[in-house]
Protein backbone atom coordinates (compact mmCIF):
# COMPACT_ATOMS: atom_id res chain seq x y z
CA MET A 1 141.90 98.18 76.90
CA PHE A 2 138.62 99.39 77.90
CA ILE A 3 137.38 100.30 74.39
CA GLN A 4 137.94 96.80 73.41
CA ILE A 5 136.39 95.65 75.76
CA TYR A 6 132.98 97.39 75.32
CA HIS A 7 132.88 97.64 71.69
CA GLN A 8 131.57 94.19 71.12
CA PRO A 9 128.87 94.60 74.26
CA ARG A 10 128.09 97.43 71.62
CA ALA A 11 126.98 95.96 68.51
CA GLY A 12 125.90 92.91 70.78
CA VAL A 13 123.11 94.94 72.76
CA LEU A 14 122.41 97.39 69.76
CA LEU A 15 121.37 94.16 67.70
CA ALA A 16 119.42 92.49 70.69
CA LEU A 17 117.63 95.85 70.82
CA ILE A 18 116.71 95.75 67.11
CA PHE A 19 115.77 92.47 67.13
CA LEU A 20 113.54 93.06 70.39
CA THR A 21 112.34 96.13 68.02
CA VAL A 22 111.65 94.24 64.70
CA SER A 23 110.19 91.64 66.29
CA ALA A 24 107.98 93.10 68.71
CA PRO A 25 104.40 92.37 68.02
CA LEU A 26 101.60 95.89 67.74
CA LEU A 27 99.58 96.14 70.48
CA GLY A 28 96.28 97.03 69.64
CA ILE A 29 93.64 98.87 71.89
CA ALA A 30 91.82 96.18 73.77
CA HIS A 31 88.30 97.05 73.01
CA GLU A 32 89.00 100.05 70.19
CA THR A 33 89.57 100.33 66.88
CA GLU A 34 91.08 103.88 67.21
CA TRP A 35 92.00 106.19 69.72
CA PRO A 36 88.85 106.71 71.74
CA GLY A 37 89.35 110.35 72.57
CA GLN A 38 85.79 111.52 72.76
CA LYS A 39 84.96 108.51 75.41
CA LEU A 40 87.93 109.56 77.24
CA ALA A 41 86.82 113.28 77.29
CA ALA A 42 83.33 112.26 78.48
CA ILE A 43 84.38 110.49 81.69
CA PHE A 44 87.08 113.09 82.46
CA PRO A 45 86.32 116.17 80.94
CA LYS A 46 88.82 118.37 82.71
CA ALA A 47 91.80 116.61 81.12
CA LYS A 48 94.24 118.06 78.99
CA LYS A 49 95.33 115.00 77.71
CA PHE A 50 95.46 111.02 77.95
CA VAL A 51 98.66 108.62 77.88
CA GLN A 52 97.96 105.04 77.36
CA ARG A 53 99.92 102.63 79.85
CA SER A 54 99.56 98.95 79.30
CA ALA A 55 99.66 95.82 81.82
CA VAL A 56 101.00 92.61 82.24
CA LEU A 57 99.01 90.52 84.48
CA THR A 58 100.92 87.64 86.28
CA SER A 59 99.22 84.16 86.51
CA GLU A 60 99.67 84.89 90.50
CA LYS A 61 97.41 87.91 89.77
CA VAL A 62 95.18 86.68 87.24
CA ALA A 63 94.39 83.89 90.18
CA THR A 64 93.61 86.60 92.38
CA ILE A 65 91.69 88.57 90.24
CA GLU A 66 89.30 85.96 89.18
CA LYS A 67 88.88 84.71 92.76
CA GLU A 68 87.82 88.27 93.91
CA LEU A 69 85.41 88.27 91.07
CA GLY A 70 84.16 85.30 91.63
CA SER A 71 84.39 84.79 87.68
CA LYS A 72 87.07 84.13 85.03
CA LEU A 73 88.72 87.01 83.12
CA ARG A 74 87.71 87.32 79.43
CA ALA A 75 90.79 86.94 76.91
CA GLU A 76 90.99 91.15 76.41
CA ASP A 77 91.04 91.17 80.22
CA LEU A 78 94.46 89.58 80.45
CA LYS A 79 96.25 92.78 78.48
CA PRO A 80 94.69 95.43 79.78
CA ILE A 81 95.36 99.07 78.65
CA PHE A 82 94.56 102.02 80.97
CA TYR A 83 94.16 105.48 79.66
CA ILE A 84 95.55 108.20 82.78
CA PRO A 85 93.89 111.56 82.37
CA LEU A 86 96.50 114.65 83.26
CA ASP A 87 95.53 117.63 84.23
CA ASP A 88 97.24 121.09 82.84
CA LYS A 89 100.08 120.58 85.02
CA LYS A 90 100.94 117.08 83.75
CA LYS A 91 99.56 115.57 87.00
CA PRO A 92 97.53 112.46 86.64
CA MET A 93 93.64 112.34 87.64
CA GLY A 94 93.06 109.04 87.95
CA LEU A 95 92.54 106.14 85.11
CA VAL A 96 90.16 104.88 82.52
CA LEU A 97 89.57 101.28 81.95
CA PHE A 98 87.47 99.73 79.25
CA SER A 99 85.79 96.55 79.95
CA ASP A 100 83.04 93.96 78.75
CA ILE A 101 81.05 91.56 80.76
CA LYS A 102 79.03 88.67 79.41
CA GLY A 103 74.98 89.72 79.73
CA PRO A 104 72.25 87.73 79.41
CA ARG A 105 71.97 88.63 75.85
CA GLY A 106 75.45 88.92 74.76
CA VAL A 107 78.64 91.25 75.24
CA ILE A 108 78.00 94.28 77.16
CA GLU A 109 80.82 96.80 75.96
CA GLY A 110 81.45 99.23 78.36
CA ALA A 111 84.28 101.79 80.96
CA VAL A 112 85.14 103.17 83.89
CA GLY A 113 86.73 106.02 85.43
CA LEU A 114 88.63 105.72 88.87
CA ASP A 115 90.24 108.79 90.79
CA MET A 116 93.26 108.83 92.17
CA LYS A 117 92.05 107.35 95.41
CA GLY A 118 90.13 104.92 93.58
CA LYS A 119 86.92 106.06 94.09
CA ILE A 120 84.26 105.59 90.39
CA VAL A 121 83.82 108.62 88.70
CA LYS A 122 82.11 107.84 85.79
CA VAL A 123 80.52 104.67 84.73
CA ALA A 124 79.91 104.14 80.43
CA ILE A 125 77.88 101.37 78.91
CA TYR A 126 78.44 101.43 75.23
CA GLU A 127 77.21 98.38 72.73
CA HIS A 128 74.70 95.95 74.19
CA LYS A 129 72.06 93.88 73.61
CA GLU A 130 70.16 94.40 76.79
CA ALA A 131 67.06 96.96 78.02
CA ASP A 132 68.25 100.76 76.90
CA ALA A 133 68.30 101.26 80.67
CA ILE A 134 71.16 99.45 81.70
CA ALA A 135 73.11 101.81 79.94
CA GLY A 136 71.03 104.81 81.02
CA GLU A 137 72.37 107.73 83.73
CA LYS A 138 69.38 106.65 86.28
CA PHE A 139 71.01 103.52 86.43
CA LEU A 140 74.73 103.88 85.88
CA LYS A 141 74.92 106.86 88.34
CA GLN A 142 74.64 104.78 91.54
CA PHE A 143 78.09 103.65 90.99
CA ILE A 144 79.68 106.93 91.51
CA GLY A 145 82.01 107.16 94.49
CA MET A 146 81.86 103.48 95.06
CA GLY A 147 85.31 101.59 95.68
CA ILE A 148 87.00 98.10 96.65
CA ASP A 149 84.85 97.92 99.67
CA ASP A 150 81.50 97.84 98.12
CA THR A 151 79.61 94.47 97.25
CA PHE A 152 78.54 95.41 93.70
CA LYS A 153 75.91 92.83 94.02
CA VAL A 154 72.31 93.78 93.37
CA GLY A 155 70.27 93.95 97.11
CA GLU A 156 73.18 95.02 98.58
CA GLY A 157 73.86 98.90 97.51
CA VAL A 158 73.13 98.39 93.82
CA ASP A 159 69.44 98.62 93.00
CA ALA A 160 68.46 96.47 89.59
CA ILE A 161 66.27 97.91 86.78
CA LYS A 162 63.22 95.57 87.01
CA GLY A 163 62.77 93.07 85.33
CA HIS A 164 66.16 92.82 84.32
CA GLU A 165 67.92 92.00 87.40
CA ALA A 166 70.51 90.09 85.29
CA ALA A 167 71.39 92.28 82.75
CA SER A 168 71.98 94.62 86.16
CA SER A 169 74.25 92.30 88.01
CA ALA A 170 76.08 91.92 84.60
CA VAL A 171 76.93 95.39 84.37
CA ALA A 172 77.92 96.34 88.30
CA LEU A 173 80.63 93.44 87.41
CA ILE A 174 82.20 96.38 85.05
CA PRO A 175 82.96 98.73 87.66
CA LYS A 176 83.78 95.74 90.24
CA LYS A 177 86.49 94.34 87.29
CA THR A 178 88.15 97.85 87.02
CA LEU A 179 88.51 98.12 90.53
CA VAL A 180 89.75 94.45 91.28
CA MET A 181 92.10 94.79 88.22
CA SER A 182 93.29 98.27 89.46
CA TYR A 183 94.17 97.66 92.81
CA ALA A 184 96.26 94.30 91.79
CA LEU A 185 98.41 96.72 89.66
CA PHE A 186 98.54 99.89 91.18
CA LEU A 187 96.74 100.15 94.88
CA LYS A 188 97.65 98.52 97.95
CA ARG A 189 94.31 97.97 100.33
CA LYS A 190 94.32 99.19 103.90
CA PRO A 191 94.50 96.22 106.34
CA LYS A 192 91.39 95.68 107.97
CA PRO A 193 90.91 96.76 111.93
CA ASP A 194 90.95 93.87 114.33
CA VAL A 195 87.92 94.39 116.60
CA GLU A 196 89.39 92.62 119.26
CA LYS A 197 92.66 95.08 119.34
CA THR A 198 92.56 99.12 119.89
CA PRO A 199 91.84 100.84 116.76
CA GLU A 200 94.78 102.54 115.03
CA PRO A 201 94.35 106.11 114.31
CA LYS A 202 92.99 106.33 111.26
CA THR A 203 95.32 106.86 108.16
CA PRO A 204 94.62 108.84 104.92
CA GLU A 205 93.25 106.79 101.97
CA GLU A 206 95.66 104.94 99.63
CA GLU A 207 96.35 107.29 96.34
CA MET A 208 97.34 105.83 93.03
CA PRO A 209 101.36 106.54 92.46
CA GLU A 210 101.85 109.38 90.19
CA VAL A 211 102.51 108.15 87.02
CA GLU A 212 106.19 109.42 86.22
CA GLU A 213 105.91 111.64 82.65
CA MET A 214 107.51 110.30 79.64
CA PRO A 215 107.06 110.41 75.36
CA GLU A 216 103.85 108.38 74.50
CA VAL A 217 104.85 105.04 73.22
CA ASP A 218 102.08 102.06 71.84
CA ASP A 219 104.26 99.22 72.10
CA LEU A 220 107.52 97.75 72.80
CA LYS A 221 109.57 98.97 69.11
CA ALA A 222 108.64 102.38 69.77
CA LEU A 223 110.45 101.78 73.46
CA MET A 224 113.42 100.33 72.11
CA MET A 225 113.83 103.13 69.69
CA LEU A 226 113.98 105.60 72.11
CA MET A 227 116.47 103.36 74.90
CA ILE A 228 119.02 103.16 71.45
CA ASP A 229 120.46 106.60 70.97
CA ASP A 230 120.42 107.03 74.91
CA TYR A 231 122.45 103.85 75.24
CA PHE A 232 124.82 104.56 72.51
CA VAL A 233 125.27 108.01 74.66
CA VAL A 234 126.76 106.18 77.99
CA VAL A 235 128.93 104.02 75.48
CA ASP A 236 130.39 106.80 73.82
CA TYR A 237 131.24 107.94 77.25
CA PHE A 238 133.09 105.20 78.44
CA ASP A 239 134.56 104.92 75.33
CA ASP A 240 135.89 108.55 74.86
CA LYS A 241 135.80 110.01 78.92
CA VAL A 242 133.90 113.16 78.11
CA ASP A 243 130.50 114.14 78.60
CA LYS A 244 129.55 112.84 81.59
CA THR A 245 127.19 115.06 82.33
CA ARG A 246 124.82 114.18 79.04
CA ALA A 247 125.85 110.71 79.87
CA VAL A 248 124.49 110.79 83.37
CA GLU A 249 121.02 111.94 81.96
CA ALA A 250 120.83 109.26 79.67
CA ALA A 251 121.46 106.47 81.92
CA LYS A 252 118.43 108.15 84.02
CA ARG A 253 116.18 108.34 80.94
CA LEU A 254 117.11 104.60 80.16
CA ALA A 255 116.39 103.44 83.71
CA LYS A 256 113.28 105.35 83.34
CA TYR A 257 111.87 103.74 80.07
CA ALA A 258 113.05 99.87 81.27
CA LYS A 259 110.07 100.63 83.91
CA GLY A 260 107.95 100.14 81.22
CA ILE A 261 109.51 97.43 79.10
CA SER A 262 107.35 94.75 81.09
CA ASN A 263 104.00 96.57 80.12
CA PHE A 264 104.48 94.81 76.78
CA GLU A 265 104.05 91.27 76.06
CA PRO A 266 107.45 89.60 74.75
CA PRO A 267 107.67 88.40 71.58
CA LYS A 268 108.48 85.10 72.56
CA ASN A 269 107.36 82.58 75.45
CA ALA A 270 104.63 85.05 76.37
CA ASP A 271 102.92 82.36 78.48
CA GLN A 272 106.19 82.93 80.54
CA THR A 273 105.53 86.50 82.40
CA GLU A 274 106.66 85.65 85.56
CA GLU A 275 109.87 85.66 84.19
CA TYR A 276 109.99 88.12 81.97
CA VAL A 277 108.72 90.89 84.26
CA TYR A 278 111.74 89.75 86.77
CA LEU A 279 114.22 89.88 84.03
CA GLN A 280 112.83 93.52 83.39
CA ASP A 281 112.21 95.01 86.74
CA LYS A 282 115.73 93.91 87.27
CA PHE A 283 117.01 95.51 84.58
CA SER A 284 115.33 98.35 85.41
CA GLU A 285 116.70 97.90 89.05
CA THR A 286 120.33 98.11 88.01
CA LEU A 287 119.87 100.84 85.89
CA VAL A 288 118.34 103.05 88.48
CA LYS A 289 121.74 102.23 90.36
CA PHE A 290 123.89 102.40 87.81
CA ALA A 291 123.26 106.19 87.36
CA GLU A 292 123.33 107.36 90.75
CA ALA A 293 127.00 105.61 90.93
CA LEU A 294 127.77 107.24 87.56
CA GLU A 295 126.62 110.73 88.62
CA ARG A 296 128.43 109.79 92.21
CA GLU A 297 131.50 108.00 90.55
CA GLY A 298 131.79 108.86 86.83
CA ILE A 299 133.63 106.04 85.24
CA SER A 300 134.82 103.48 87.67
CA GLU A 301 135.59 99.61 88.46
CA GLU A 302 132.17 99.44 89.82
CA THR A 303 130.39 101.66 87.06
CA ARG A 304 132.15 99.30 84.96
CA LYS A 305 130.94 96.22 86.75
CA GLN A 306 127.24 97.84 86.78
CA TRP A 307 127.15 98.64 82.80
CA ASP A 308 128.73 94.80 82.05
CA ALA A 309 125.78 93.60 84.49
CA ILE A 310 123.45 95.58 82.20
CA VAL A 311 124.39 94.31 78.54
CA GLU A 312 124.37 90.92 80.59
CA LEU A 313 120.79 91.05 81.14
CA VAL A 314 119.99 92.46 77.79
CA ASN A 315 121.30 89.54 76.03
CA GLN A 316 119.40 87.24 78.88
CA ALA A 317 116.37 88.81 78.02
CA HIS A 318 116.84 88.63 73.88
CA LEU A 319 117.60 84.91 73.96
CA ARG A 320 114.92 83.79 75.94
CA PHE A 321 111.98 86.14 74.63
CA SER A 322 113.02 87.55 71.14
CA GLU A 323 112.18 85.38 68.28
CA ALA A 324 115.31 86.05 66.48
CA GLU A 325 118.63 84.63 66.83
CA ILE A 326 121.65 87.04 66.98
CA ASP A 327 124.85 86.22 64.51
CA LEU A 328 127.70 88.58 64.86
CA ASP A 329 129.08 87.22 62.05
CA THR A 330 127.00 88.54 59.73
CA TYR A 331 127.18 91.95 60.29
């Protein structure tokens, strides 16, 4: 009976994963046409490798970021791609974000590196039509060590290049934008102390959460392909009732992979980002609970219900955000 119940979800979820896979657009690097290895190494020379992480900006986050910046984000900013440098122990050292800004004479292309405490370690300027001095070390090194609480305004902690104040102000927005976007996505700000209240003991500065090591994937298609094999490991365990350890490990990997789904833009209804992120976050949370229950109980009424819920979430996400329709009669 149990086998009959789970054969159809097996086919349905497989098709859902496949359709999400083949219809998912390949995401390119926002400001690079090829892997920017040399530029990344110049920012974090001690890094052993870099992993790429895409992010999704909800409309609420966009509004918050634009309000703090005092300007609109560029189209390229709406699909930020962060590069995480890893040390020889595979621990993250910070992040790098390639970012553009509109200068007096055109677009200024640059990149900013932050350490694990959200402090700037380097600002680099590449293509631009301004004075050469705005890309010089003498001007850019003043940003090193700055953080989210700095104003990045000329005359308020930033020394402009004489005769090129507007270009200097534009360049200063690149590290500010990187910080504001990073805090909106990764970091929490410490509340400002109330001067009328007794100050609380100083707490350690908030650090960026460590990035859990997982295979590098450049797009949703690659991520779905990773998940399909582990999905069938769990299905086979329910069918055959053998190899619990392998099934638990597969469930844990599925939960880990699921956390990365919302980093990619959905193939359909891309303007409904909040619903997409909500569904995928719920999918990830359900998988985590399922993996814990499976390890604790094995096959039980609870784990069967949880697996049914996972299958339902996959189907919901497919119907809402995949471009192709599923017709089981054609398979």
